[in-house]
């Protein structure tokens, strides 16, 4: 399932980032967000707004377009 399909506050494990833009994937990797990482969706703003995720104690906002490219599974 996609990251945007889960409820806010749910912990999930990233399973696939292959459909994401290479530059964005590299930026997320700099924050320690990669396949196998456990993250939590904190906020999903309305009207196709950005998503806020928490990973390793840091909150990061990403575009919904990129969040739709992150495949996750429940922990």
N, C-alpha and C. Protein backbone atom coordinates (compact mmCIF):
# COMPACT_ATOMS: atom_id res chain seq x y z
N UNK A 1 0.83 -1.18 0.00
CA UNK A 1 0.00 0.00 0.00
C UNK A 1 0.88 1.24 0.00
N UNK A 2 0.31 2.36 -0.35
CA UNK A 2 1.04 3.62 -0.40
C UNK A 2 1.03 4.29 0.96
N UNK A 3 1.99 5.16 1.17
CA UNK A 3 2.07 5.90 2.44
C UNK A 3 0.83 6.73 2.68
N UNK A 4 0.23 7.27 1.63
CA UNK A 4 -0.94 8.13 1.80
C UNK A 4 -2.21 7.33 2.08
N UNK A 5 -2.16 6.01 2.00
CA UNK A 5 -3.33 5.17 2.26
C UNK A 5 -3.53 4.85 3.74
N UNK A 6 -2.54 5.15 4.57
CA UNK A 6 -2.63 4.78 5.99
C UNK A 6 -3.19 5.94 6.81
N UNK A 7 -3.61 5.63 8.02
CA UNK A 7 -4.14 6.64 8.94
C UNK A 7 -2.97 7.35 9.63
N UNK A 8 -3.19 8.61 9.98
CA UNK A 8 -2.17 9.39 10.69
C UNK A 8 -1.86 8.74 12.03
N UNK A 9 -0.60 8.69 12.38
CA UNK A 9 -0.17 8.11 13.65
C UNK A 9 0.21 6.65 13.57
N UNK A 10 0.06 6.03 12.41
CA UNK A 10 0.37 4.62 12.23
C UNK A 10 1.84 4.42 11.88
N UNK A 11 2.48 3.46 12.55
CA UNK A 11 3.87 3.12 12.22
C UNK A 11 3.87 2.11 11.09
N UNK A 12 4.71 2.34 10.11
CA UNK A 12 4.83 1.45 8.95
C UNK A 12 6.30 1.28 8.59
N UNK A 13 6.57 0.23 7.83
CA UNK A 13 7.93 -0.05 7.34
C UNK A 13 7.96 0.19 5.84
N UNK A 14 8.96 0.91 5.36
CA UNK A 14 9.09 1.20 3.93
C UNK A 14 9.56 -0.06 3.22
N UNK A 15 8.84 -0.43 2.16
CA UNK A 15 9.20 -1.63 1.40
C UNK A 15 9.76 -1.33 0.02
N UNK A 16 9.39 -0.21 -0.58
CA UNK A 16 9.84 0.08 -1.94
C UNK A 16 9.88 1.58 -2.21
N UNK A 17 11.00 2.04 -2.72
CA UNK A 17 11.16 3.44 -3.12
C UNK A 17 11.58 3.55 -4.58
N UNK A 18 11.47 2.47 -5.33
CA UNK A 18 12.02 2.43 -6.69
C UNK A 18 11.29 3.36 -7.67
N UNK A 19 10.03 3.70 -7.42
CA UNK A 19 9.30 4.56 -8.35
C UNK A 19 9.51 6.04 -8.06
N UNK A 20 10.25 6.35 -7.02
CA UNK A 20 10.48 7.74 -6.62
C UNK A 20 11.62 8.35 -7.43
N UNK A 21 11.56 9.65 -7.61
CA UNK A 21 12.61 10.42 -8.27
C UNK A 21 13.94 10.19 -7.54
N UNK A 22 15.02 10.03 -8.29
CA UNK A 22 16.32 9.74 -7.69
C UNK A 22 16.79 10.84 -6.75
N UNK A 23 16.56 12.10 -7.10
CA UNK A 23 16.99 13.20 -6.24
C UNK A 23 16.25 13.18 -4.91
N UNK A 24 14.95 12.96 -4.94
CA UNK A 24 14.16 12.92 -3.71
C UNK A 24 14.56 11.71 -2.87
N UNK A 25 14.79 10.58 -3.52
CA UNK A 25 15.21 9.37 -2.80
C UNK A 25 16.55 9.61 -2.11
N UNK A 26 17.46 10.31 -2.77
CA UNK A 26 18.76 10.62 -2.18
C UNK A 26 18.60 11.55 -0.98
N UNK A 27 17.70 12.54 -1.10
CA UNK A 27 17.46 13.46 0.02
C UNK A 27 16.89 12.72 1.23
N UNK A 28 15.93 11.82 0.98
CA UNK A 28 15.37 11.04 2.08
C UNK A 28 16.43 10.13 2.70
N UNK A 29 17.30 9.59 1.85
CA UNK A 29 18.39 8.74 2.35
C UNK A 29 19.32 9.54 3.27
N UNK A 30 19.52 10.82 2.97
CA UNK A 30 20.34 11.67 3.84
C UNK A 30 19.72 11.82 5.23
N UNK A 31 18.39 11.74 5.32
CA UNK A 31 17.69 11.80 6.60
C UNK A 31 17.58 10.42 7.26
N UNK A 32 18.10 9.38 6.61
CA UNK A 32 18.04 8.04 7.15
C UNK A 32 16.76 7.30 6.80
N UNK A 33 16.03 7.82 5.82
CA UNK A 33 14.79 7.18 5.39
C UNK A 33 15.08 6.38 4.13
N UNK A 34 15.05 5.04 4.27
CA UNK A 34 15.35 4.15 3.16
C UNK A 34 14.50 2.90 3.31
N UNK A 35 14.61 1.99 2.34
CA UNK A 35 13.85 0.75 2.43
C UNK A 35 14.23 0.01 3.70
N UNK A 36 13.22 -0.43 4.43
CA UNK A 36 13.43 -1.11 5.71
C UNK A 36 13.28 -0.20 6.91
N UNK A 37 13.25 1.11 6.71
CA UNK A 37 13.09 2.06 7.82
C UNK A 37 11.65 2.06 8.32
N UNK A 38 11.48 2.25 9.61
CA UNK A 38 10.15 2.38 10.21
C UNK A 38 9.87 3.86 10.37
N UNK A 39 8.75 4.30 9.79
CA UNK A 39 8.35 5.70 9.86
C UNK A 39 6.91 5.78 10.33
N UNK A 40 6.49 6.99 10.65
CA UNK A 40 5.11 7.21 11.08
C UNK A 40 4.56 8.41 10.32
N UNK A 41 3.38 8.27 9.76
CA UNK A 41 2.71 9.38 9.10
C UNK A 41 2.07 10.22 10.19
N UNK A 42 2.48 11.47 10.33
CA UNK A 42 1.97 12.33 11.38
C UNK A 42 0.83 13.21 10.93
N UNK A 43 0.96 13.85 9.78
CA UNK A 43 -0.09 14.73 9.28
C UNK A 43 -0.25 14.52 7.78
N UNK A 44 -1.48 14.58 7.32
CA UNK A 44 -1.81 14.51 5.90
C UNK A 44 -2.75 15.68 5.64
N UNK A 45 -2.21 16.76 5.10
CA UNK A 45 -3.00 17.97 4.94
C UNK A 45 -4.01 17.83 3.81
N UNK A 46 -5.15 18.51 3.92
CA UNK A 46 -6.19 18.39 2.90
C UNK A 46 -5.83 19.10 1.59
N UNK A 47 -6.67 18.86 0.59
CA UNK A 47 -6.54 19.50 -0.73
C UNK A 47 -5.19 19.21 -1.38
N UNK A 48 -4.78 17.96 -1.31
CA UNK A 48 -3.51 17.50 -1.91
C UNK A 48 -2.30 18.23 -1.35
N UNK A 49 -2.37 18.60 -0.09
CA UNK A 49 -1.26 19.28 0.58
C UNK A 49 -0.16 18.30 0.95
N UNK A 50 0.91 18.80 1.56
CA UNK A 50 2.05 17.95 1.90
C UNK A 50 1.74 16.99 3.05
N UNK A 51 2.60 16.00 3.19
CA UNK A 51 2.51 15.01 4.26
C UNK A 51 3.67 15.23 5.22
N UNK A 52 3.43 15.03 6.48
CA UNK A 52 4.49 15.11 7.48
C UNK A 52 4.73 13.72 8.03
N UNK A 53 5.99 13.28 7.95
CA UNK A 53 6.35 11.97 8.48
C UNK A 53 7.36 12.14 9.59
N UNK A 54 7.39 11.15 10.48
CA UNK A 54 8.38 11.15 11.55
C UNK A 54 9.27 9.93 11.37
N UNK A 55 10.57 10.19 11.36
CA UNK A 55 11.54 9.11 11.24
C UNK A 55 12.72 9.43 12.15
N UNK A 56 13.02 8.51 13.04
CA UNK A 56 14.16 8.67 13.95
C UNK A 56 14.09 9.96 14.75
N UNK A 57 12.89 10.35 15.17
CA UNK A 57 12.71 11.52 16.01
C UNK A 57 12.65 12.85 15.28
N UNK A 58 12.79 12.85 13.97
CA UNK A 58 12.70 14.09 13.22
C UNK A 58 11.46 14.10 12.34
N UNK A 59 10.83 15.25 12.25
CA UNK A 59 9.63 15.42 11.43
C UNK A 59 10.03 16.03 10.11
N UNK A 60 9.57 15.44 9.02
CA UNK A 60 9.94 15.87 7.67
C UNK A 60 8.67 16.00 6.85
N UNK A 61 8.53 17.11 6.15
CA UNK A 61 7.38 17.32 5.26
C UNK A 61 7.81 16.99 3.83
N UNK A 62 6.97 16.21 3.14
CA UNK A 62 7.23 15.88 1.75
C UNK A 62 5.96 16.11 0.94
N UNK A 63 6.13 16.31 -0.35
CA UNK A 63 4.97 16.50 -1.23
C UNK A 63 4.15 15.22 -1.27
N UNK A 64 2.87 15.38 -1.47
CA UNK A 64 1.99 14.21 -1.56
C UNK A 64 2.37 13.35 -2.77
N UNK A 65 2.86 13.99 -3.83
CA UNK A 65 3.29 13.25 -5.02
C UNK A 65 4.40 12.25 -4.66
N UNK A 66 5.35 12.68 -3.83
CA UNK A 66 6.41 11.77 -3.41
C UNK A 66 5.89 10.74 -2.41
N UNK A 67 4.96 11.13 -1.56
CA UNK A 67 4.40 10.19 -0.59
C UNK A 67 3.64 9.07 -1.29
N UNK A 68 3.05 9.36 -2.44
CA UNK A 68 2.35 8.32 -3.21
C UNK A 68 3.31 7.32 -3.81
N UNK A 69 4.59 7.65 -3.92
CA UNK A 69 5.59 6.74 -4.48
C UNK A 69 6.21 5.83 -3.43
N UNK A 70 5.91 6.07 -2.16
CA UNK A 70 6.50 5.26 -1.08
C UNK A 70 5.56 4.10 -0.77
N UNK A 71 6.03 2.89 -1.02
CA UNK A 71 5.26 1.68 -0.70
C UNK A 71 5.63 1.24 0.73
N UNK A 72 4.61 0.93 1.54
CA UNK A 72 4.82 0.58 2.94
C UNK A 72 4.02 -0.66 3.30
N UNK A 73 4.36 -1.22 4.45
CA UNK A 73 3.58 -2.32 5.03
C UNK A 73 3.48 -2.08 6.53
N UNK A 74 2.43 -2.61 7.12
CA UNK A 74 2.20 -2.42 8.55
C UNK A 74 3.27 -3.14 9.36
N UNK A 75 3.59 -2.57 10.50
CA UNK A 75 4.62 -3.16 11.37
C UNK A 75 3.96 -4.07 12.37
